[in-house]
Amino acid sequence: EERAQNLRDLRSEMTALRKKREQATGE
């Protein structure tokens, strides 16, 4: 039953990681 929520959490993690990359500089 928790799969749908786990997939939403996974999408949120991926979005957060992408935004960190977009804002990052240097090393």
PDB file of all heavy atoms in Angstrom:
ATOM      1  N   GLU A   1       0.812  -1.220   0.000  1.00  0.00           N
ATOM      2  CA  GLU A   1       0.000   0.000   0.000  1.00  0.00           C
ATOM      3  C   GLU A   1       0.846   1.272   0.000  1.00  0.00           C
ATOM      4  O   GLU A   1       0.374   2.326  -0.414  1.00  0.00           O
ATOM      5  CB  GLU A   1      -0.926  -0.001   1.210  1.00  0.00           C
ATOM      6  CG  GLU A   1      -1.968  -1.128   1.186  1.00  0.00           C
ATOM      7  CD  GLU A   1      -2.856  -1.101   2.413  1.00  0.00           C
ATOM      8  OE1 GLU A   1      -2.631  -0.223   3.283  1.00  0.00           O
ATOM      9  OE2 GLU A   1      -3.775  -1.940   2.510  1.00  0.00           O
ATOM     10  N   GLU A   2       2.083   1.173   0.456  1.00  0.00           N
ATOM     11  CA  GLU A   2       2.921   2.364   0.566  1.00  0.00           C
ATOM     12  C   GLU A   2       3.672   2.695  -0.723  1.00  0.00           C
ATOM     13  O   GLU A   2       4.398   3.680  -0.778  1.00  0.00           O
ATOM     14  CB  GLU A   2       3.930   2.185   1.709  1.00  0.00           C
ATOM     15  CG  GLU A   2       3.275   2.056   3.079  1.00  0.00           C
ATOM     16  CD  GLU A   2       4.302   1.893   4.184  1.00  0.00           C
ATOM     17  OE1 GLU A   2       5.501   1.763   3.856  1.00  0.00           O
ATOM     18  OE2 GLU A   2       3.902   1.909   5.348  1.00  0.00           O
ATOM     19  N   ARG A   3       3.514   1.865  -1.747  1.00  0.00           N
ATOM     20  CA  ARG A   3       4.286   2.087  -2.970  1.00  0.00           C
ATOM     21  C   ARG A   3       4.011   3.456  -3.585  1.00  0.00           C
ATOM     22  O   ARG A   3       4.949   4.161  -3.992  1.00  0.00           O
ATOM     23  CB  ARG A   3       4.008   0.994  -4.000  1.00  0.00           C
ATOM     24  CG  ARG A   3       4.641   1.302  -5.366  1.00  0.00           C
ATOM     25  CD  ARG A   3       4.432   0.211  -6.367  1.00  0.00           C
ATOM     26  NE  ARG A   3       5.345  -0.904  -6.118  1.00  0.00           N
ATOM     27  CZ  ARG A   3       5.369  -2.005  -6.882  1.00  0.00           C
ATOM     28  NH1 ARG A   3       4.511  -2.141  -7.880  1.00  0.00           N
ATOM     29  NH2 ARG A   3       6.233  -2.959  -6.618  1.00  0.00           N
ATOM     30  N   ALA A   4       2.733   3.855  -3.661  1.00  0.00           N
ATOM     31  CA  ALA A   4       2.412   5.136  -4.290  1.00  0.00           C
ATOM     32  C   ALA A   4       3.105   6.287  -3.566  1.00  0.00           C
ATOM     33  O   ALA A   4       3.661   7.197  -4.204  1.00  0.00           O
ATOM     34  CB  ALA A   4       0.898   5.352  -4.312  1.00  0.00           C
ATOM     35  N   GLN A   5       3.096   6.255  -2.236  1.00  0.00           N
ATOM     36  CA  GLN A   5       3.767   7.308  -1.475  1.00  0.00           C
ATOM     37  C   GLN A   5       5.274   7.240  -1.660  1.00  0.00           C
ATOM     38  O   GLN A   5       5.943   8.275  -1.785  1.00  0.00           O
ATOM     39  CB  GLN A   5       3.425   7.185   0.015  1.00  0.00           C
ATOM     40  CG  GLN A   5       4.044   8.273   0.885  1.00  0.00           C
ATOM     41  CD  GLN A   5       3.608   9.667   0.468  1.00  0.00           C
ATOM     42  OE1 GLN A   5       2.410   9.938   0.324  1.00  0.00           O
ATOM     43  NE2 GLN A   5       4.564  10.560   0.263  1.00  0.00           N
ATOM     44  N   ASN A   6       5.812   6.022  -1.708  1.00  0.00           N
ATOM     45  CA  ASN A   6       7.258   5.870  -1.902  1.00  0.00           C
ATOM     46  C   ASN A   6       7.690   6.402  -3.261  1.00  0.00           C
ATOM     47  O   ASN A   6       8.765   6.988  -3.397  1.00  0.00           O
ATOM     48  CB  ASN A   6       7.657   4.398  -1.757  1.00  0.00           C
ATOM     49  CG  ASN A   6       7.576   3.915  -0.321  1.00  0.00           C
ATOM     50  OD1 ASN A   6       7.729   4.698   0.622  1.00  0.00           O
ATOM     51  ND2 ASN A   6       7.336   2.628  -0.132  1.00  0.00           N
ATOM     52  N   LEU A   7       6.863   6.199  -4.273  1.00  0.00           N
ATOM     53  CA  LEU A   7       7.180   6.750  -5.593  1.00  0.00           C
ATOM     54  C   LEU A   7       7.118   8.268  -5.582  1.00  0.00           C
ATOM     55  O   LEU A   7       7.950   8.939  -6.207  1.00  0.00           O
ATOM     56  CB  LEU A   7       6.224   6.183  -6.644  1.00  0.00           C
ATOM     57  CG  LEU A   7       6.512   4.739  -7.105  1.00  0.00           C
ATOM     58  CD1 LEU A   7       5.345   4.191  -7.915  1.00  0.00           C
ATOM     59  CD2 LEU A   7       7.801   4.682  -7.919  1.00  0.00           C
ATOM     60  N   ARG A   8       6.138   8.829  -4.866  1.00  0.00           N
ATOM     61  CA  ARG A   8       6.078  10.300  -4.745  1.00  0.00           C
ATOM     62  C   ARG A   8       7.315  10.829  -4.025  1.00  0.00           C
ATOM     63  O   ARG A   8       7.883  11.860  -4.411  1.00  0.00           O
ATOM     64  CB  ARG A   8       4.804  10.708  -3.990  1.00  0.00           C
ATOM     65  CG  ARG A   8       3.537  10.603  -4.831  1.00  0.00           C
ATOM     66  CD  ARG A   8       2.372  11.316  -4.169  1.00  0.00           C
ATOM     67  NE  ARG A   8       1.927  10.625  -2.962  1.00  0.00           N
ATOM     68  CZ  ARG A   8       1.009   9.664  -2.938  1.00  0.00           C
ATOM     69  NH1 ARG A   8       0.431   9.277  -4.075  1.00  0.00           N
ATOM     70  NH2 ARG A   8       0.649   9.102  -1.791  1.00  0.00           N
ATOM     71  N   ASP A   9       7.750  10.117  -2.983  1.00  0.00           N
ATOM     72  CA  ASP A   9       8.964  10.526  -2.265  1.00  0.00           C
ATOM     73  C   ASP A   9      10.186  10.455  -3.166  1.00  0.00           C
ATOM     74  O   ASP A   9      11.070  11.333  -3.101  1.00  0.00           O
ATOM     75  CB  ASP A   9       9.164   9.641  -1.038  1.00  0.00           C
ATOM     76  CG  ASP A   9       8.108   9.869   0.036  1.00  0.00           C
ATOM     77  OD1 ASP A   9       7.453  10.924   0.000  1.00  0.00           O
ATOM     78  OD2 ASP A   9       7.947   8.982   0.908  1.00  0.00           O
ATOM     79  N   LEU A  10      10.228   9.415  -3.997  1.00  0.00           N
ATOM     80  CA  LEU A  10      11.350   9.274  -4.929  1.00  0.00           C
ATOM     81  C   LEU A  10      11.372  10.438  -5.911  1.00  0.00           C
ATOM     82  O   LEU A  10      12.435  11.020  -6.183  1.00  0.00           O
ATOM     83  CB  LEU A  10      11.245   7.940  -5.672  1.00  0.00           C
ATOM     84  CG  LEU A  10      12.314   7.665  -6.736  1.00  0.00           C
ATOM     85  CD1 LEU A  10      13.704   7.594  -6.110  1.00  0.00           C
ATOM     86  CD2 LEU A  10      12.002   6.365  -7.492  1.00  0.00           C
ATOM     87  N   ARG A  11      10.205  10.803  -6.439  1.00  0.00           N
ATOM     88  CA  ARG A  11      10.147  11.947  -7.363  1.00  0.00           C
ATOM     89  C   ARG A  11      10.606  13.227  -6.676  1.00  0.00           C
ATOM     90  O   ARG A  11      11.320  14.043  -7.263  1.00  0.00           O
ATOM     91  CB  ARG A  11       8.720  12.112  -7.907  1.00  0.00           C
ATOM     92  CG  ARG A  11       8.282  11.005  -8.850  1.00  0.00           C
ATOM     93  CD  ARG A  11       7.066  11.406  -9.662  1.00  0.00           C
ATOM     94  NE  ARG A  11       5.898  11.673  -8.837  1.00  0.00           N
ATOM     95  CZ  ARG A  11       5.018  10.741  -8.459  1.00  0.00           C
ATOM     96  NH1 ARG A  11       5.200   9.480  -8.822  1.00  0.00           N
ATOM     97  NH2 ARG A  11       3.966  11.074  -7.738  1.00  0.00           N
ATOM     98  N   SER A  12      10.202  13.388  -5.422  1.00  0.00           N
ATOM     99  CA  SER A  12      10.608  14.594  -4.686  1.00  0.00           C
ATOM    100  C   SER A  12      12.114  14.636  -4.490  1.00  0.00           C
ATOM    101  O   SER A  12      12.747  15.697  -4.606  1.00  0.00           O
ATOM    102  CB  SER A  12       9.900  14.626  -3.326  1.00  0.00           C
ATOM    103  OG  SER A  12       8.504  14.759  -3.481  1.00  0.00           O
ATOM    104  N   GLU A  13      12.699  13.479  -4.193  1.00  0.00           N
ATOM    105  CA  GLU A  13      14.157  13.397  -4.019  1.00  0.00           C
ATOM    106  C   GLU A  13      14.873  13.756  -5.317  1.00  0.00           C
ATOM    107  O   GLU A  13      15.871  14.479  -5.312  1.00  0.00           O
ATOM    108  CB  GLU A  13      14.554  12.001  -3.564  1.00  0.00           C
ATOM    109  CG  GLU A  13      14.139  11.643  -2.148  1.00  0.00           C
ATOM    110  CD  GLU A  13      15.237  11.927  -1.132  1.00  0.00           C
ATOM    111  OE1 GLU A  13      16.335  12.344  -1.538  1.00  0.00           O
ATOM    112  OE2 GLU A  13      14.974  11.716   0.064  1.00  0.00           O
ATOM    113  N   MET A  14      14.367  13.251  -6.425  1.00  0.00           N
ATOM    114  CA  MET A  14      14.992  13.532  -7.717  1.00  0.00           C
ATOM    115  C   MET A  14      14.877  15.022  -8.057  1.00  0.00           C
ATOM    116  O   MET A  14      15.831  15.629  -8.565  1.00  0.00           O
ATOM    117  CB  MET A  14      14.328  12.689  -8.810  1.00  0.00           C
ATOM    118  CG  MET A  14      14.535  11.188  -8.648  1.00  0.00           C
ATOM    119  SD  MET A  14      16.246  10.670  -8.912  1.00  0.00           S
ATOM    120  CE  MET A  14      16.208  10.229 -10.634  1.00  0.00           C
ATOM    121  N   THR A  15      13.718  15.597  -7.778  1.00  0.00           N
ATOM    122  CA  THR A  15      13.529  17.034  -8.030  1.00  0.00           C
ATOM    123  C   THR A  15      14.494  17.869  -7.186  1.00  0.00           C
ATOM    124  O   THR A  15      15.120  18.811  -7.687  1.00  0.00           O
ATOM    125  CB  THR A  15      12.086  17.446  -7.714  1.00  0.00           C
ATOM    126  OG1 THR A  15      11.181  16.669  -8.488  1.00  0.00           O
ATOM    127  CG2 THR A  15      11.865  18.924  -8.001  1.00  0.00           C
ATOM    128  N   ALA A  16      14.613  17.498  -5.927  1.00  0.00           N
ATOM    129  CA  ALA A  16      15.499  18.248  -5.029  1.00  0.00           C
ATOM    130  C   ALA A  16      16.948  18.147  -5.484  1.00  0.00           C
ATOM    131  O   ALA A  16      17.691  19.149  -5.459  1.00  0.00           O
ATOM    132  CB  ALA A  16      15.351  17.712  -3.606  1.00  0.00           C
ATOM    133  N   LEU A  17      17.361  16.957  -5.926  1.00  0.00           N
ATOM    134  CA  LEU A  17      18.733  16.779  -6.383  1.00  0.00           C
ATOM    135  C   LEU A  17      18.986  17.588  -7.652  1.00  0.00           C
ATOM    136  O   LEU A  17      20.038  18.225  -7.802  1.00  0.00           O
ATOM    137  CB  LEU A  17      19.015  15.297  -6.632  1.00  0.00           C
ATOM    138  CG  LEU A  17      20.463  14.900  -6.891  1.00  0.00           C
ATOM    139  CD1 LEU A  17      21.349  15.277  -5.716  1.00  0.00           C
ATOM    140  CD2 LEU A  17      20.562  13.398  -7.161  1.00  0.00           C
ATOM    141  N   ARG A  18      17.999  17.607  -8.554  1.00  0.00           N
ATOM    142  CA  ARG A  18      18.152  18.408  -9.779  1.00  0.00           C
ATOM    143  C   ARG A  18      18.285  19.887  -9.457  1.00  0.00           C
ATOM    144  O   ARG A  18      19.125  20.591 -10.042  1.00  0.00           O
ATOM    145  CB  ARG A  18      16.963  18.181 -10.708  1.00  0.00           C
ATOM    146  CG  ARG A  18      16.931  19.139 -11.897  1.00  0.00           C
ATOM    147  CD  ARG A  18      15.834  18.799 -12.884  1.00  0.00           C
ATOM    148  NE  ARG A  18      14.514  18.778 -12.282  1.00  0.00           N
ATOM    149  CZ  ARG A  18      13.763  19.837 -12.060  1.00  0.00           C
ATOM    150  NH1 ARG A  18      14.220  21.062 -12.361  1.00  0.00           N
ATOM    151  NH2 ARG A  18      12.552  19.720 -11.535  1.00  0.00           N
ATOM    152  N   LYS A  19      17.479  20.379  -8.529  1.00  0.00           N
ATOM    153  CA  LYS A  19      17.529  21.805  -8.180  1.00  0.00           C
ATOM    154  C   LYS A  19      18.856  22.160  -7.516  1.00  0.00           C
ATOM    155  O   LYS A  19      19.405  23.247  -7.756  1.00  0.00           O
ATOM    156  CB  LYS A  19      16.352  22.152  -7.278  1.00  0.00           C
ATOM    157  CG  LYS A  19      15.018  22.150  -8.014  1.00  0.00           C
ATOM    158  CD  LYS A  19      13.865  22.539  -7.112  1.00  0.00           C
ATOM    159  CE  LYS A  19      12.553  22.605  -7.897  1.00  0.00           C
ATOM    160  NZ  LYS A  19      11.410  22.954  -7.020  1.00  0.00           N
ATOM    161  N   LYS A  20      19.386  21.255  -6.709  1.00  0.00           N
ATOM    162  CA  LYS A  20      20.709  21.490  -6.120  1.00  0.00           C
ATOM    163  C   LYS A  20      21.760  21.619  -7.213  1.00  0.00           C
ATOM    164  O   LYS A  20      22.642  22.485  -7.153  1.00  0.00           O
ATOM    165  CB  LYS A  20      21.076  20.347  -5.176  1.00  0.00           C
ATOM    166  CG  LYS A  20      20.382  20.368  -3.826  1.00  0.00           C
ATOM    167  CD  LYS A  20      20.879  19.221  -2.966  1.00  0.00           C
ATOM    168  CE  LYS A  20      20.197  19.223  -1.604  1.00  0.00           C
ATOM    169  NZ  LYS A  20      20.661  18.092  -0.761  1.00  0.00           N
ATOM    170  N   ARG A  21      21.668  20.740  -8.206  1.00  0.00           N
ATOM    171  CA  ARG A  21      22.640  20.791  -9.305  1.00  0.00           C
ATOM    172  C   ARG A  21      22.507  22.089 -10.080  1.00  0.00           C
ATOM    173  O   ARG A  21      23.508  22.708 -10.470  1.00  0.00           O
ATOM    174  CB  ARG A  21      22.421  19.604 -10.251  1.00  0.00           C
ATOM    175  CG  ARG A  21      23.497  19.487 -11.339  1.00  0.00           C
ATOM    176  CD  ARG A  21      22.981  18.788 -12.555  1.00  0.00           C
ATOM    177  NE  ARG A  21      21.914  19.543 -13.187  1.00  0.00           N
ATOM    178  CZ  ARG A  21      21.249  19.134 -14.271  1.00  0.00           C
ATOM    179  NH1 ARG A  21      21.516  17.955 -14.797  1.00  0.00           N
ATOM    180  NH2 ARG A  21      20.304  19.886 -14.803  1.00  0.00           N
ATOM    181  N   GLU A  22      21.287  22.547 -10.317  1.00  0.00           N
ATOM    182  CA  GLU A  22      21.068  23.771 -11.081  1.00  0.00           C
ATOM    183  C   GLU A  22      21.631  25.000 -10.364  1.00  0.00           C
ATOM    184  O   GLU A  22      22.022  25.975 -11.016  1.00  0.00           O
ATOM    185  CB  GLU A  22      19.568  23.952 -11.327  1.00  0.00           C
ATOM    186  CG  GLU A  22      18.993  22.926 -12.300  1.00  0.00           C
ATOM    187  CD  GLU A  22      17.475  22.966 -12.367  1.00  0.00           C
ATOM    188  OE1 GLU A  22      16.855  23.636 -11.515  1.00  0.00           O
ATOM    189  OE2 GLU A  22      16.909  22.321 -13.279  1.00  0.00           O
ATOM    190  N   GLN A  23      21.687  24.941  -9.049  1.00  0.00           N
ATOM    191  CA  GLN A  23      22.164  26.083  -8.265  1.00  0.00           C
ATOM    192  C   GLN A  23      23.643  25.989  -7.901  1.00  0.00           C
ATOM    193  O   GLN A  23      24.219  26.961  -7.414  1.00  0.00           O
ATOM    194  CB  GLN A  23      21.328  26.187  -6.984  1.00  0.00           C
ATOM    195  CG  GLN A  23      19.855  26.470  -7.232  1.00  0.00           C
ATOM    196  CD  GLN A  23      18.982  26.250  -6.017  1.00  0.00           C
ATOM    197  OE1 GLN A  23      19.488  25.923  -4.946  1.00  0.00           O
ATOM    198  NE2 GLN A  23      17.674  26.431  -6.160  1.00  0.00           N
ATOM    199  N   ALA A  24      24.246  24.832  -8.140  1.00  0.00           N
ATOM    200  CA  ALA A  24      25.623  24.601  -7.693  1.00  0.00           C
ATOM    201  C   ALA A  24      26.643  25.234  -8.630  1.00  0.00           C
ATOM    202  O   ALA A  24      26.377  25.487  -9.810  1.00  0.00           O
ATOM    203  CB  ALA A  24      25.888  23.105  -7.579  1.00  0.00           C
ATOM    204  N   THR A  25      27.816  25.479  -8.095  1.00  0.00           N
ATOM    205  CA  THR A  25      28.955  25.976  -8.878  1.00  0.00           C
ATOM    206  C   THR A  25      30.212  25.240  -8.434  1.00  0.00           C
ATOM    207  O   THR A  25      30.221  24.543  -7.414  1.00  0.00           O
ATOM    208  CB  THR A  25      29.152  27.492  -8.665  1.00  0.00           C
ATOM    209  OG1 THR A  25      29.371  27.732  -7.255  1.00  0.00           O
ATOM    210  CG2 THR A  25      27.940  28.273  -9.140  1.00  0.00           C
ATOM    211  N   GLY A  26      31.277  25.411  -9.205  1.00  0.00           N
ATOM    212  CA  GLY A  26      32.572  24.868  -8.818  1.00  0.00           C
ATOM    213  C   GLY A  26      32.567  23.365  -8.635  1.00  0.00           C
ATOM    214  O   GLY A  26      31.916  22.617  -9.366  1.00  0.00           O
ATOM    215  N   GLU A  27      33.296  22.898  -7.622  1.00  0.00           N
ATOM    216  CA  GLU A  27      33.422  21.468  -7.373  1.00  0.00           C
ATOM    217  C   GLU A  27      32.109  20.845  -6.917  1.00  0.00           C
ATOM    218  O   GLU A  27      31.862  19.656  -7.151  1.00  0.00           O
ATOM    219  CB  GLU A  27      34.523  21.204  -6.342  1.00  0.00           C
ATOM    220  CG  GLU A  27      35.916  21.559  -6.831  1.00  0.00           C
ATOM    221  CD  GLU A  27      36.281  20.861  -8.128  1.00  0.00           C
ATOM    222  OE1 GLU A  27      36.076  19.626  -8.225  1.00  0.00           O
ATOM    223  OE2 GLU A  27      36.750  21.536  -9.062  1.00  0.00           O
TER     224      GLU A  27
END
